[in-house]
Amino acid sequence: MIDPALTSDPGRPVWARNGLVATGQPLATAAGLAVLARGGNAVDAALAVAAVTSVTMPEMCGLGGDAFALVYDARTRTVTAFNGSGPAPMAATVERYRAAGHTEMPFEGWWSVAVPGAVGVYLEMHARFGSRPLEELWAPAIRYAREGFPIDARLAANIAAGADKLARDPEAAAVYLAAGPRPRPGTILRNPDLARSFERVLAGGAETFYKGELARAIGDASQAAGGLLTAEDMAAFEVEVYRPLVTTYRGYRVFETAPPSQGLILLEMLNLLEGFDLAGKSPTDPDVVHLLVEIKKLAFADRNAYLGDPRFVKAPVDRLLSKAYAARRRRDLDLERANNAPAAGEVDGDTTSFVVVDAEGNAVSFIHSISALWGAGVMARGTGILLNNRAGRGFVLSEEHPNGLAPGKRTMHTLNTYLVTRAPAAADADGTPAPAPATAGSRAADGRTAGGGPATPSPGARAGDGGAGSDGLGDGELVLVGNTPGGDGQPQWNLQVLVNVLDFGMDAYRAVAAPRWTSFPGTDPISLKAPLELRLESRFPAETAAELLRRGHVLRGVGPWAAGGSAMLIRVLDRGVYEGAADPRDGGVALGL
């Protein structure tokens, strides 16, 4: 029987054979699709989308932000990960912040800015996988920045929401408050300085952005405002290209971005969930919701306790991802009562994302961000570049915490993105069959140890802490490409979408449109002390809410589509057909060829 709550929206997935693009912005989807139509590959299309979203979704992403990506190469059947998270300035010490009167990291202004890494990812992806000239790929974005584009209802609302922050910076206000603090949808927005910055990067590459005139402009603006970021900090930035994290789930391989991304959380949650049988259940079943929420709490507790920049913190990544650890951690699950004080196990906002697949089966899962809405709220004069507040949002003002502030250190990121392939055999990471799962609502059986060697960096790339790698036989046939923006909601919503497809057999649209929950708080330092609550969309049955209350969850009802997120998903079907969908919660668009 089909749950009526899952069919209350009339939307449908999109099917295509020659490529598919799903983004949170119609102009960006159109730009990516046009690249595919001209014979460009998935990376080409992704770079066009990244540039257009940098212009048309400026409150969420841009040249002043950071980025992570996974690229699937259909010819070699391999997955490559890109990390464009920037470090804190070298002058950013705990003592300096405390001496300035800060008891917590500032959430906006120049003292909240980390080195922007997104541009490095754009250029590195193009160098390794691009097939079309970058001038061609960025032409639509440059045109929209210079000539203007009509803002949509989302951007209009976000300008109003961020008007006070933007007004505190004259450069940002001149661009984004030009039509006042409450512009109407359809108002034309221009940022000609940003168009020129794109053109400078085209002319001079990474050298211009990280060591040339743009680096100097950003560093000078920071120093003039009393900030800590310098041109020297910009010059020290390096993109990391590495083997992604991977685990297995019910015969599939799930790839994720490695720390400082929190992609590990999703993989740990899948390992925990694999010990339970969801057959015959529904995503709105209280047993399922309770189980997933309790799994989320354990994984997030581990993230807060152990993870940080792997260059500074020796995190037990391989052990956290082992099947043996998942088996032990399941003993901490109470299937009848909510755990409102989860502890770590013992071991030895605002963003946009998109997905692309081309006719040959190459695929990109991409996410980029300036962290909070409108980032730090500061813009370097003459560049049109709005800077991120990643350092202010992410770091803990402590020298002892794994995610504590330190010069040159990268904060843990909410950003993560995933890709799923069909494993060569239904096996765990060590190649042995998975144990029979328990039924949801009953205690899980113990699992066993699963190995996994260290990550292998791509040739010529800086090595990251990539956890377990592949078996050298390729990473399998592409099955799913997906992601969502939304801070600490990302691993939770990605988990729900994956379960909707892999366990409940939903198509792409039903998977992203199904009733959604969010367990709050997550990992953001600004909200860690907030009391636990479970936010349920009103499309969940009343019986589910009542049962969750009985089990001790603190519920907060939200609107039918208001749990958050903007999930993007592409499924690879038989006979070379792609099925894609964009989350109806945020005005996204999926289109195919």
Protein backbone atom coordinates (compact mmCIF):
# COMPACT_ATOMS: atom_id res chain seq x y z
CA MET A 1 0.00 0.00 0.00
CA ILE A 2 1.29 3.49 -0.87
CA ASP A 3 1.37 5.94 2.03
CA PRO A 4 -0.91 8.89 1.07
CA ALA A 5 1.56 11.29 2.68
CA LEU A 6 4.04 10.39 -0.03
CA THR A 7 1.74 11.25 -2.93
CA SER A 8 0.34 14.64 -1.89
CA ASP A 9 2.51 16.53 -4.38
CA PRO A 10 1.84 16.24 -8.14
CA GLY A 11 5.47 16.59 -9.20
CA ARG A 12 7.26 14.03 -11.32
CA PRO A 13 10.89 13.16 -12.05
CA VAL A 14 12.59 14.08 -15.32
CA TRP A 15 13.85 11.34 -17.66
CA ALA A 16 16.60 11.79 -20.25
CA ARG A 17 19.23 9.84 -22.19
CA ASN A 18 21.78 12.46 -23.25
CA GLY A 19 22.42 14.21 -19.97
CA LEU A 20 20.61 15.72 -17.02
CA VAL A 21 21.16 18.73 -14.74
CA ALA A 22 19.43 19.42 -11.42
CA THR A 23 20.12 22.68 -9.58
CA GLY A 24 18.43 25.08 -7.20
CA GLN A 25 18.20 27.89 -9.78
CA PRO A 26 16.50 27.77 -13.21
CA LEU A 27 19.07 29.95 -14.99
CA ALA A 28 21.84 27.71 -13.68
CA THR A 29 20.08 24.55 -14.85
CA ALA A 30 19.62 26.10 -18.29
CA ALA A 31 23.30 27.07 -18.47
CA GLY A 32 24.43 23.55 -17.60
CA LEU A 33 22.05 21.96 -20.06
CA ALA A 34 23.24 24.27 -22.85
CA VAL A 35 26.81 23.07 -22.26
CA LEU A 36 25.73 19.44 -22.55
CA ALA A 37 23.78 20.24 -25.72
CA ARG A 38 26.96 21.67 -27.29
CA GLY A 39 28.89 18.49 -26.52
CA GLY A 40 30.46 19.46 -23.23
CA ASN A 41 30.91 16.87 -20.53
CA ALA A 42 29.52 16.73 -16.99
CA VAL A 43 32.42 18.72 -15.51
CA ASP A 44 32.04 21.41 -18.17
CA ALA A 45 28.35 21.70 -17.33
CA ALA A 46 29.09 21.74 -13.60
CA LEU A 47 31.52 24.62 -14.00
CA ALA A 48 28.94 26.61 -15.94
CA VAL A 49 26.39 25.94 -13.21
CA ALA A 50 28.85 26.86 -10.46
CA ALA A 51 29.55 30.21 -12.11
CA VAL A 52 25.89 31.06 -12.74
CA THR A 53 24.87 30.16 -9.20
CA SER A 54 27.72 32.35 -7.92
CA VAL A 55 25.98 35.27 -9.64
CA THR A 56 22.30 34.38 -9.24
CA MET A 57 22.48 32.87 -5.73
CA PRO A 58 24.99 35.32 -4.21
CA GLU A 59 23.63 34.95 -0.69
CA MET A 60 24.66 31.29 -0.74
CA CYS A 61 27.82 30.82 -2.80
CA GLY A 62 30.43 32.52 -4.90
CA LEU A 63 34.08 33.27 -5.55
CA GLY A 64 34.50 34.23 -1.91
CA GLY A 65 33.33 30.84 -0.64
CA ASP A 66 34.41 27.23 -0.49
CA ALA A 67 33.52 24.07 -2.39
CA PHE A 68 33.62 20.29 -2.39
CA ALA A 69 32.95 17.98 -5.33
CA LEU A 70 32.93 14.36 -6.42
CA VAL A 71 33.58 13.49 -10.07
CA TYR A 72 32.73 10.09 -11.56
CA ASP A 73 34.78 9.18 -14.63
CA ALA A 74 32.70 6.73 -16.69
CA ARG A 75 35.68 5.51 -18.71
CA THR A 76 37.72 4.40 -15.71
CA ARG A 77 34.76 3.97 -13.33
CA THR A 78 36.61 5.92 -10.67
CA VAL A 79 35.54 8.65 -8.27
CA THR A 80 37.74 11.68 -7.52
CA ALA A 81 37.13 14.13 -4.69
CA PHE A 82 37.98 17.84 -4.53
CA ASN A 83 38.36 19.84 -1.33
CA GLY A 84 38.25 23.61 -1.59
CA SER A 85 37.91 24.49 2.08
CA GLY A 86 40.08 27.41 3.09
CA PRO A 87 42.02 27.73 6.34
CA ALA A 88 41.86 30.38 9.02
CA PRO A 89 44.29 33.28 8.59
CA MET A 90 47.72 32.79 10.12
CA ALA A 91 46.99 35.64 12.53
CA ALA A 92 43.86 33.88 13.83
CA THR A 93 44.78 32.66 17.31
CA VAL A 94 42.52 31.92 20.25
CA GLU A 95 44.49 34.45 22.32
CA ARG A 96 43.96 37.20 19.75
CA TYR A 97 40.20 36.67 19.62
CA ARG A 98 39.92 36.58 23.40
CA ALA A 99 42.06 39.69 23.73
CA ALA A 100 39.61 41.43 21.40
CA GLY A 101 36.78 40.54 23.79
CA HIS A 102 35.35 37.52 21.97
CA THR A 103 34.06 34.62 24.06
CA GLU A 104 32.76 32.90 20.92
CA MET A 105 33.75 33.15 17.28
CA PRO A 106 32.18 36.20 15.58
CA PHE A 107 29.52 35.23 13.07
CA GLU A 108 30.06 38.09 10.60
CA GLY A 109 32.60 40.69 9.60
CA TRP A 110 36.22 40.26 8.54
CA TRP A 111 37.18 38.32 11.69
CA SER A 112 34.83 35.53 10.58
CA VAL A 113 36.45 35.05 7.14
CA ALA A 114 38.48 32.02 6.05
CA VAL A 115 40.57 31.84 2.87
CA PRO A 116 38.11 31.27 -0.02
CA GLY A 117 38.80 27.95 -1.75
CA ALA A 118 36.00 27.61 -4.30
CA VAL A 119 37.91 29.19 -7.19
CA GLY A 120 40.71 26.69 -6.70
CA VAL A 121 38.23 23.82 -7.06
CA TYR A 122 36.68 25.32 -10.20
CA LEU A 123 40.07 25.62 -11.86
CA GLU A 124 41.42 22.26 -10.71
CA MET A 125 38.32 20.42 -11.92
CA HIS A 126 38.63 22.10 -15.30
CA ALA A 127 42.33 21.28 -15.58
CA ARG A 128 41.74 17.59 -14.83
CA PHE A 129 38.41 16.87 -16.52
CA GLY A 130 37.24 19.86 -18.56
CA SER A 131 36.84 19.59 -22.33
CA ARG A 132 35.51 23.05 -23.30
CA PRO A 133 37.22 26.44 -22.86
CA LEU A 134 36.48 28.02 -19.50
CA GLU A 135 35.69 31.29 -21.31
CA GLU A 136 32.76 29.54 -22.97
CA LEU A 137 31.59 27.92 -19.74
CA TRP A 138 31.62 31.12 -17.71
CA ALA A 139 30.16 33.37 -20.42
CA PRO A 140 26.54 33.14 -19.14
CA ALA A 141 27.59 34.00 -15.58
CA ILE A 142 29.65 36.96 -16.76
CA ARG A 143 26.72 38.19 -18.85
CA TYR A 144 24.28 37.90 -15.92
CA ALA A 145 26.70 39.74 -13.62
CA ARG A 146 27.38 42.57 -16.08
CA GLU A 147 23.97 43.01 -17.73
CA GLY A 148 21.84 41.89 -14.82
CA PHE A 149 19.26 39.18 -14.22
CA PRO A 150 15.76 39.21 -12.71
CA ILE A 151 15.85 38.08 -9.10
CA ASP A 152 13.48 35.32 -8.05
CA ALA A 153 11.26 35.22 -4.96
CA ARG A 154 13.90 33.35 -2.94
CA LEU A 155 16.62 35.91 -3.55
CA ALA A 156 14.19 38.78 -2.92
CA ALA A 157 13.27 37.26 0.43
CA ASN A 158 16.91 36.63 1.32
CA ILE A 159 17.88 40.23 0.52
CA ALA A 160 15.17 41.34 2.94
CA ALA A 161 16.33 38.84 5.55
CA GLY A 162 19.96 39.94 5.23
CA ALA A 163 19.41 43.65 4.69
CA ASP A 164 20.80 44.70 8.08
CA LYS A 165 23.97 42.65 7.57
CA LEU A 166 24.45 43.95 4.03
CA ALA A 167 23.85 47.55 5.11
CA ARG A 168 26.83 47.38 7.46
CA ASP A 169 29.21 47.01 4.49
CA PRO A 170 29.08 49.84 1.91
CA GLU A 171 30.41 47.68 -0.93
CA ALA A 172 27.86 44.89 -0.36
CA ALA A 173 25.05 47.38 0.15
CA ALA A 174 25.82 49.17 -3.12
CA VAL A 175 25.22 45.93 -5.04
CA TYR A 176 22.55 44.04 -3.15
CA LEU A 177 20.55 46.91 -1.63
CA ALA A 178 20.59 49.05 -4.78
CA ALA A 179 16.82 48.55 -5.13
CA GLY A 180 16.21 48.88 -1.40
CA PRO A 181 15.97 46.34 1.41
CA ARG A 182 12.81 44.72 0.08
CA PRO A 183 13.12 44.33 -3.70
CA ARG A 184 10.32 42.73 -5.64
CA PRO A 185 10.82 39.49 -7.58
CA GLY A 186 11.75 40.41 -11.13
CA THR A 187 13.96 43.31 -10.06
CA ILE A 188 17.15 43.40 -12.13
CA LEU A 189 20.33 42.82 -10.13
CA ARG A 190 23.74 43.74 -11.56
CA ASN A 191 27.27 43.18 -10.25
CA PRO A 192 29.68 44.40 -12.95
CA ASP A 193 32.67 44.21 -10.61
CA LEU A 194 32.01 40.49 -10.20
CA ALA A 195 31.93 40.10 -13.99
CA ARG A 196 35.38 41.70 -14.14
CA SER A 197 36.64 39.38 -11.39
CA PHE A 198 35.55 36.35 -13.40
CA GLU A 199 37.35 37.80 -16.43
CA ARG A 200 40.51 38.38 -14.38
CA VAL A 201 40.49 34.74 -13.30
CA LEU A 202 40.01 33.68 -16.94
CA ALA A 203 43.01 35.79 -17.93
CA GLY A 204 45.34 34.88 -15.09
CA GLY A 205 44.04 31.66 -13.55
CA ALA A 206 44.70 30.66 -9.97
CA GLU A 207 47.75 32.93 -9.91
CA THR A 208 45.51 36.00 -10.25
CA PHE A 209 43.05 34.94 -7.59
CA TYR A 210 45.46 33.59 -4.99
CA LYS A 211 48.67 35.53 -5.62
CA GLY A 212 47.78 38.41 -7.93
CA GLU A 213 45.51 41.43 -8.03
CA LEU A 214 42.41 39.75 -6.61
CA ALA A 215 44.36 38.30 -3.69
CA ARG A 216 45.80 41.74 -2.97
CA ALA A 217 42.37 43.38 -3.22
CA ILE A 218 40.86 40.91 -0.75
CA GLY A 219 43.83 41.13 1.62
CA ASP A 220 43.91 44.93 1.47
CA ALA A 221 40.16 45.17 2.16
CA SER A 222 40.55 42.89 5.16
CA GLN A 223 43.50 44.82 6.57
CA ALA A 224 41.83 48.20 6.01
CA ALA A 225 38.85 47.01 8.05
CA GLY A 226 41.03 45.60 10.84
CA GLY A 227 40.59 42.00 9.70
CA LEU A 228 43.08 39.15 9.97
CA LEU A 229 43.07 37.76 6.40
CA THR A 230 46.07 38.81 4.31
CA ALA A 231 47.29 38.39 0.75
CA GLU A 232 49.89 35.99 2.16
CA ASP A 233 47.10 33.78 3.53
CA MET A 234 45.55 33.73 0.07
CA ALA A 235 48.88 32.76 -1.54
CA ALA A 236 49.31 29.74 0.74
CA PHE A 237 46.05 28.06 -0.31
CA GLU A 238 46.11 24.64 -2.01
CA VAL A 239 43.26 22.55 -3.38
CA GLU A 240 43.21 18.92 -2.26
CA VAL A 241 42.40 16.21 -4.79
CA TYR A 242 42.03 12.79 -3.21
CA ARG A 243 40.31 9.42 -3.04
CA PRO A 244 36.96 9.93 -1.33
CA LEU A 245 35.67 8.12 1.72
CA VAL A 246 33.64 5.02 0.91
CA THR A 247 31.48 2.50 2.70
CA THR A 248 29.11 -0.19 1.52
CA TYR A 249 25.37 -0.28 2.11
CA ARG A 250 23.18 -3.19 1.05
CA GLY A 251 25.37 -4.05 -1.93
CA TYR A 252 26.11 -0.47 -2.99
CA ARG A 253 29.20 1.65 -2.56
CA VAL A 254 28.52 5.11 -1.15
CA PHE A 255 31.25 7.73 -1.68
CA GLU A 256 31.56 10.89 0.37
CA THR A 257 33.86 13.84 0.87
CA ALA A 258 36.46 13.40 3.63
CA PRO A 259 37.27 15.64 6.62
CA PRO A 260 37.20 18.52 7.05
CA SER A 261 33.90 17.83 5.29
CA GLN A 262 31.46 15.99 7.54
CA GLY A 263 30.64 13.45 4.84
CA LEU A 264 31.85 10.77 7.24
CA ILE A 265 28.66 11.31 9.27
CA LEU A 266 26.48 10.04 6.42
CA LEU A 267 28.63 6.94 5.97
CA GLU A 268 28.65 6.17 9.69
CA MET A 269 24.86 6.51 9.77
CA LEU A 270 24.51 4.09 6.86
CA ASN A 271 26.80 1.59 8.61
CA LEU A 272 24.62 1.79 11.71
CA LEU A 273 21.41 1.47 9.70
CA GLU A 274 22.65 -1.53 7.72
CA GLY A 275 22.10 -3.70 10.79
CA PHE A 276 18.33 -3.20 10.54
CA ASP A 277 15.81 -4.54 8.04
CA LEU A 278 13.39 -1.87 6.79
CA ALA A 279 11.40 -4.24 4.56
CA GLY A 280 7.67 -3.70 4.74
CA LYS A 281 8.01 -0.30 6.36
CA SER A 282 7.60 3.29 5.19
CA PRO A 283 9.68 6.43 5.74
CA THR A 284 6.77 7.84 7.77
CA ASP A 285 6.61 4.78 10.03
CA PRO A 286 7.44 5.85 13.62
CA ASP A 287 9.84 2.91 13.99
CA VAL A 288 11.80 4.14 10.97
CA VAL A 289 11.81 7.81 11.97
CA HIS A 290 12.84 6.98 15.54
CA LEU A 291 15.63 4.67 14.36
CA LEU A 292 17.06 7.18 11.89
CA VAL A 293 16.89 10.06 14.38
CA GLU A 294 18.65 8.04 17.08
CA ILE A 295 21.32 6.97 14.58
CA LYS A 296 21.81 10.62 13.64
CA LYS A 297 22.39 11.56 17.27
CA LEU A 298 25.15 8.98 17.71
CA ALA A 299 26.96 9.90 14.49
CA PHE A 300 26.80 13.63 15.24
CA ALA A 301 28.15 13.02 18.76
CA ASP A 302 31.12 11.22 17.21
CA ARG A 303 31.69 14.07 14.78
CA ASN A 304 31.75 16.63 17.58
CA ALA A 305 34.10 14.52 19.69
CA TYR A 306 36.66 13.39 17.12
CA LEU A 307 36.73 15.28 13.83
CA GLY A 308 38.74 18.29 12.77
CA ASP A 309 41.20 19.33 10.08
CA PRO A 310 43.20 16.10 9.47
CA ARG A 311 46.38 18.17 9.13
CA PHE A 312 45.96 19.15 12.80
CA VAL A 313 43.84 16.37 14.32
CA LYS A 314 44.50 12.64 14.13
CA ALA A 315 40.90 11.53 13.74
CA PRO A 316 40.09 7.79 13.84
CA VAL A 317 38.41 7.92 10.42
CA ASP A 318 38.96 4.29 9.42
CA ARG A 319 37.75 3.04 12.79
CA LEU A 320 34.67 5.26 12.76
CA LEU A 321 33.85 3.84 9.31
CA SER A 322 34.43 0.20 10.20
CA LYS A 323 31.55 -2.27 10.34
CA ALA A 324 32.86 -3.50 13.70
CA TYR A 325 32.53 -0.02 15.20
CA ALA A 326 28.99 0.25 13.81
CA ALA A 327 28.11 -3.07 15.43
CA ARG A 328 29.39 -1.86 18.81
CA ARG A 329 27.71 1.53 18.41
CA ARG A 330 24.32 -0.08 17.75
CA ARG A 331 24.33 -1.21 21.38
CA ASP A 332 23.93 2.48 22.29
CA LEU A 333 20.63 2.68 20.42
CA ASP A 334 17.40 2.53 22.42
CA LEU A 335 14.65 1.55 20.01
CA GLU A 336 11.90 2.51 22.45
CA ARG A 337 13.08 5.79 23.98
CA ALA A 338 14.64 8.96 22.58
CA ASN A 339 18.21 9.63 23.69
CA ASN A 340 18.30 13.32 24.56
CA ALA A 341 21.91 13.31 25.78
CA PRO A 342 23.90 11.33 23.16
CA ALA A 343 27.57 10.70 23.91
CA ALA A 344 30.44 9.84 21.59
CA GLY A 345 31.44 6.21 21.17
CA GLU A 346 34.72 4.75 22.34
CA VAL A 347 37.16 3.93 19.52
CA ASP A 348 40.56 2.52 19.34
CA GLY A 349 22.76 27.49 6.30
CA ASP A 350 23.48 28.64 3.57
CA THR A 351 24.70 26.82 0.56
CA THR A 352 23.70 25.58 -2.86
CA SER A 353 24.41 22.25 -4.52
CA PHE A 354 23.74 20.56 -7.83
CA VAL A 355 24.22 17.34 -9.77
CA VAL A 356 25.08 16.70 -13.42
CA VAL A 357 25.41 13.61 -15.60
CA ASP A 358 26.31 13.56 -19.30
CA ALA A 359 25.54 11.22 -22.19
CA GLU A 360 28.68 9.14 -21.55
CA GLY A 361 27.80 8.58 -17.90
CA ASN A 362 30.30 10.99 -16.37
CA ALA A 363 28.83 12.67 -13.31
CA VAL A 364 29.47 15.49 -10.85
CA SER A 365 28.09 16.04 -7.37
CA PHE A 366 29.01 19.59 -6.37
CA ILE A 367 28.38 21.84 -3.38
CA HIS A 368 29.67 25.36 -2.73
CA SER A 369 28.91 27.95 -0.11
CA ILE A 370 29.77 31.19 1.65
CA SER A 371 28.55 29.50 4.87
CA ALA A 372 25.74 31.53 6.48
CA LEU A 373 23.23 33.66 4.58
CA TRP A 374 25.28 36.42 2.89
CA GLY A 375 28.46 34.97 4.41
CA ALA A 376 30.48 37.44 6.44
CA GLY A 377 28.53 40.31 4.91
CA VAL A 378 31.72 41.95 3.62
CA MET A 379 32.90 42.60 0.07
CA ALA A 380 36.34 43.52 -1.19
CA ARG A 381 36.19 46.87 -2.98
CA GLY A 382 36.24 46.68 -6.76
CA THR A 383 35.85 42.90 -6.90
CA GLY A 384 32.13 42.25 -6.39
CA ILE A 385 33.22 39.25 -4.29
CA LEU A 386 31.28 38.61 -1.09
CA LEU A 387 33.40 36.79 1.49
CA ASN A 388 32.47 33.72 3.51
CA ASN A 389 32.09 33.52 7.30
CA ARG A 390 33.28 29.91 7.49
CA ALA A 391 35.84 30.52 10.25
CA GLY A 392 33.31 32.33 12.40
CA ARG A 393 30.59 29.79 11.90
CA GLY A 394 32.69 26.66 12.17
CA PHE A 395 35.46 27.00 14.73
CA VAL A 396 35.25 26.60 18.49
CA LEU A 397 37.20 29.23 20.42
CA SER A 398 39.35 26.61 22.13
CA GLU A 399 42.81 25.16 21.67
CA GLU A 400 41.87 21.73 23.04
CA HIS A 401 38.77 20.92 20.97
CA PRO A 402 39.33 18.90 17.74
CA ASN A 403 37.61 21.73 15.89
CA GLY A 404 39.30 24.48 17.88
CA LEU A 405 40.67 27.56 16.14
CA ALA A 406 44.33 27.59 15.09
CA PRO A 407 46.33 29.56 12.50
CA GLY A 408 46.17 27.92 9.08
CA LYS A 409 43.64 25.33 10.25
CA ARG A 410 40.48 24.45 8.34
CA THR A 411 37.27 24.26 10.31
CA MET A 412 35.05 21.20 10.07
CA HIS A 413 32.51 21.73 7.33
CA THR A 414 28.83 21.07 7.09
CA LEU A 415 29.39 20.79 3.32
CA ASN A 416 29.36 17.25 1.96
CA THR A 417 28.29 15.54 -1.21
CA TYR A 418 27.72 11.91 -2.18
CA LEU A 419 27.74 9.50 -5.09
CA VAL A 420 26.59 5.85 -5.18
CA THR A 421 27.80 2.98 -7.36
CA ARG A 422 26.85 -0.65 -7.61
CA ALA A 423 29.55 -2.63 -5.82
CA PRO A 424 31.10 -5.52 -7.80
CA ALA A 425 29.50 -7.85 -5.22
CA ALA A 426 27.19 -7.41 -2.24
CA ALA A 427 30.03 -7.08 0.24
CA ASP A 428 31.39 -4.86 2.93
CA ALA A 429 34.57 -2.85 2.50
CA ASP A 430 36.68 -5.91 3.26
CA GLY A 431 34.96 -7.94 0.54
CA THR A 432 33.06 -10.34 2.82
CA PRO A 433 29.29 -10.72 2.90
CA ALA A 434 27.29 -8.45 5.17
CA PRO A 435 25.54 -10.01 8.20
CA ALA A 436 21.80 -10.51 8.15
CA PRO A 437 20.16 -7.31 9.42
CA ALA A 438 17.74 -7.03 12.31
CA THR A 439 14.25 -5.66 11.80
CA ALA A 440 13.63 -1.97 12.52
CA GLY A 441 12.01 -1.79 15.92
CA SER A 442 14.09 -4.69 17.28
CA ARG A 443 17.63 -4.93 18.62
CA ALA A 444 20.30 -5.33 15.92
CA ALA A 445 22.69 -8.27 15.88
CA ASP A 446 26.41 -7.68 16.22
CA GLY A 447 28.42 -7.17 13.05
CA ARG A 448 32.07 -7.85 12.33
CA THR A 449 35.26 -6.09 11.37
CA ALA A 450 35.60 -4.50 7.95
CA GLY A 451 38.94 -3.29 6.72
CA GLY A 452 39.88 -0.61 4.23
CA GLY A 453 43.26 0.79 3.36
CA PRO A 454 44.42 4.38 3.46
CA ALA A 455 43.40 6.85 0.82
CA THR A 456 45.60 7.25 -2.24
CA PRO A 457 45.98 10.84 -3.45
CA SER A 458 45.63 11.58 -7.13
CA PRO A 459 48.93 12.10 -8.98
CA GLY A 460 50.30 15.56 -8.30
CA ALA A 461 47.61 16.39 -5.78
CA ARG A 462 47.89 17.25 -2.13
CA ALA A 463 46.91 14.23 -0.06
CA GLY A 464 43.83 14.37 2.15
CA ASP A 465 42.63 12.04 4.89
CA GLY A 466 40.46 10.01 2.59
CA GLY A 467 39.77 6.93 4.69
CA ALA A 468 39.16 3.66 2.88
CA GLY A 469 39.84 3.60 -0.84
CA SER A 470 38.57 1.35 -3.64
CA ASP A 471 39.79 -2.13 -4.48
CA GLY A 472 41.73 -1.15 -7.61
CA LEU A 473 39.08 -2.72 -9.86
CA GLY A 474 37.22 0.52 -10.37
CA ASP A 475 34.55 1.99 -8.17
CA GLY A 476 31.60 0.28 -9.83
CA GLU A 477 28.72 1.32 -12.08
CA LEU A 478 27.12 4.68 -11.33
CA VAL A 479 23.73 4.41 -9.58
CA LEU A 480 23.00 7.74 -7.86
CA VAL A 481 24.39 11.27 -7.70
CA GLY A 482 22.98 13.52 -5.00
CA ASN A 483 23.37 16.21 -2.39
CA THR A 484 21.58 18.99 -0.57
CA PRO A 485 22.53 22.32 0.98
CA GLY A 486 21.40 23.14 4.48
CA GLY A 487 24.14 23.12 7.11
CA ASP A 488 23.80 20.29 9.60
CA GLY A 489 20.64 19.16 7.87
CA GLN A 490 22.74 17.87 4.98
CA PRO A 491 23.77 14.44 6.35
CA GLN A 492 20.28 13.90 7.79
CA TRP A 493 18.43 14.76 4.58
CA ASN A 494 20.94 12.90 2.41
CA LEU A 495 20.36 9.85 4.62
CA GLN A 496 16.60 10.11 4.20
CA VAL A 497 16.86 10.46 0.41
CA LEU A 498 19.22 7.49 0.14
CA VAL A 499 16.97 5.32 2.30
CA ASN A 500 13.96 6.39 0.24
CA VAL A 501 15.68 5.09 -2.91
CA LEU A 502 17.78 2.15 -1.73
CA ASP A 503 15.42 0.75 0.90
CA PHE A 504 11.97 1.93 -0.18
CA GLY A 505 12.42 1.87 -3.97
CA MET A 506 11.23 5.42 -4.64
CA ASP A 507 11.84 7.27 -7.88
CA ALA A 508 13.99 10.40 -7.78
CA TYR A 509 11.16 12.86 -7.28
CA ARG A 510 9.34 10.95 -4.57
CA ALA A 511 12.67 10.45 -2.79
CA VAL A 512 13.38 14.19 -2.54
CA ALA A 513 9.76 15.23 -2.01
CA ALA A 514 8.81 12.73 0.72
CA PRO A 515 7.95 14.10 4.19
CA ARG A 516 11.15 15.13 5.91
CA TRP A 517 12.37 15.49 9.48
CA THR A 518 15.30 17.38 10.97
CA SER A 519 16.94 16.65 14.31
CA PHE A 520 18.26 19.86 15.87
CA PRO A 521 20.88 20.90 16.91
CA GLY A 522 23.66 19.46 14.83
CA THR A 523 27.31 20.52 14.99
CA ASP A 524 27.35 24.31 14.53
CA PRO A 525 29.05 25.79 17.62
CA ILE A 526 26.49 28.61 17.70
CA SER A 527 23.65 26.14 18.37
CA LEU A 528 25.32 23.21 20.15
CA LYS A 529 23.91 24.16 23.55
CA ALA A 530 20.34 24.38 22.27
CA PRO A 531 17.94 21.71 23.56
CA LEU A 532 17.24 18.75 21.29
CA GLU A 533 14.12 18.89 19.18
CA LEU A 534 12.76 16.90 16.27
CA ARG A 535 11.21 19.01 13.51
CA LEU A 536 8.53 17.14 11.58
CA GLU A 537 6.82 18.31 8.43
CA SER A 538 3.06 18.37 8.83
CA ARG A 539 2.65 15.74 6.09
CA PHE A 540 3.71 13.07 8.58
CA PRO A 541 0.70 11.14 9.88
CA ALA A 542 -0.65 12.27 13.24
CA GLU A 543 -0.16 8.72 14.52
CA THR A 544 3.57 8.96 13.79
CA ALA A 545 3.90 12.21 15.72
CA ALA A 546 1.96 10.78 18.66
CA GLU A 547 4.16 7.69 18.84
CA LEU A 548 7.35 9.75 18.64
CA LEU A 549 6.09 11.90 21.51
CA ARG A 550 5.40 8.75 23.52
CA ARG A 551 9.01 7.66 22.96
CA GLY A 552 10.30 10.89 24.43
CA HIS A 553 11.08 13.02 21.39
CA VAL A 554 10.58 16.76 21.76
CA LEU A 555 8.61 17.60 18.63
CA ARG A 556 8.28 20.85 16.77
CA GLY A 557 5.79 20.81 13.93
CA VAL A 558 6.71 22.74 10.79
CA GLY A 559 4.88 23.39 7.53
CA PRO A 560 4.30 20.64 4.97
CA TRP A 561 7.50 21.52 3.07
CA ALA A 562 9.42 23.40 5.76
CA ALA A 563 11.90 20.92 7.30
CA GLY A 564 14.64 22.40 5.12
CA GLY A 565 16.98 21.39 2.36
CA SER A 566 17.04 21.51 -1.40
CA ALA A 567 17.91 17.95 -2.35
CA MET A 568 19.14 17.18 -5.87
CA LEU A 569 19.17 13.64 -7.21
CA ILE A 570 19.93 11.75 -10.42
CA ARG A 571 19.34 8.01 -10.75
CA VAL A 572 20.91 5.90 -13.49
CA LEU A 573 18.31 3.48 -14.82
CA ASP A 574 18.64 0.64 -17.31
CA ARG A 575 19.26 1.19 -21.04
CA GLY A 576 21.16 4.43 -20.54
CA VAL A 577 18.23 6.38 -19.10
CA TYR A 578 18.68 9.00 -16.39
CA GLU A 579 16.00 10.02 -13.92
CA GLY A 580 16.42 13.29 -12.04
CA ALA A 581 14.61 15.57 -9.65
CA ALA A 582 15.04 18.84 -7.79
CA ASP A 583 13.56 19.37 -4.35
CA PRO A 584 10.17 21.14 -4.53
CA ARG A 585 10.97 22.92 -1.25
CA ASP A 586 13.27 25.49 -2.81
CA GLY A 587 12.35 26.20 -6.41
CA GLY A 588 14.97 23.98 -8.00
CA VAL A 589 14.74 22.71 -11.57
CA ALA A 590 15.86 19.45 -13.20
CA LEU A 591 16.11 19.29 -17.00
CA GLY A 592 17.43 16.70 -19.40
CA LEU A 593 18.42 16.15 -23.02
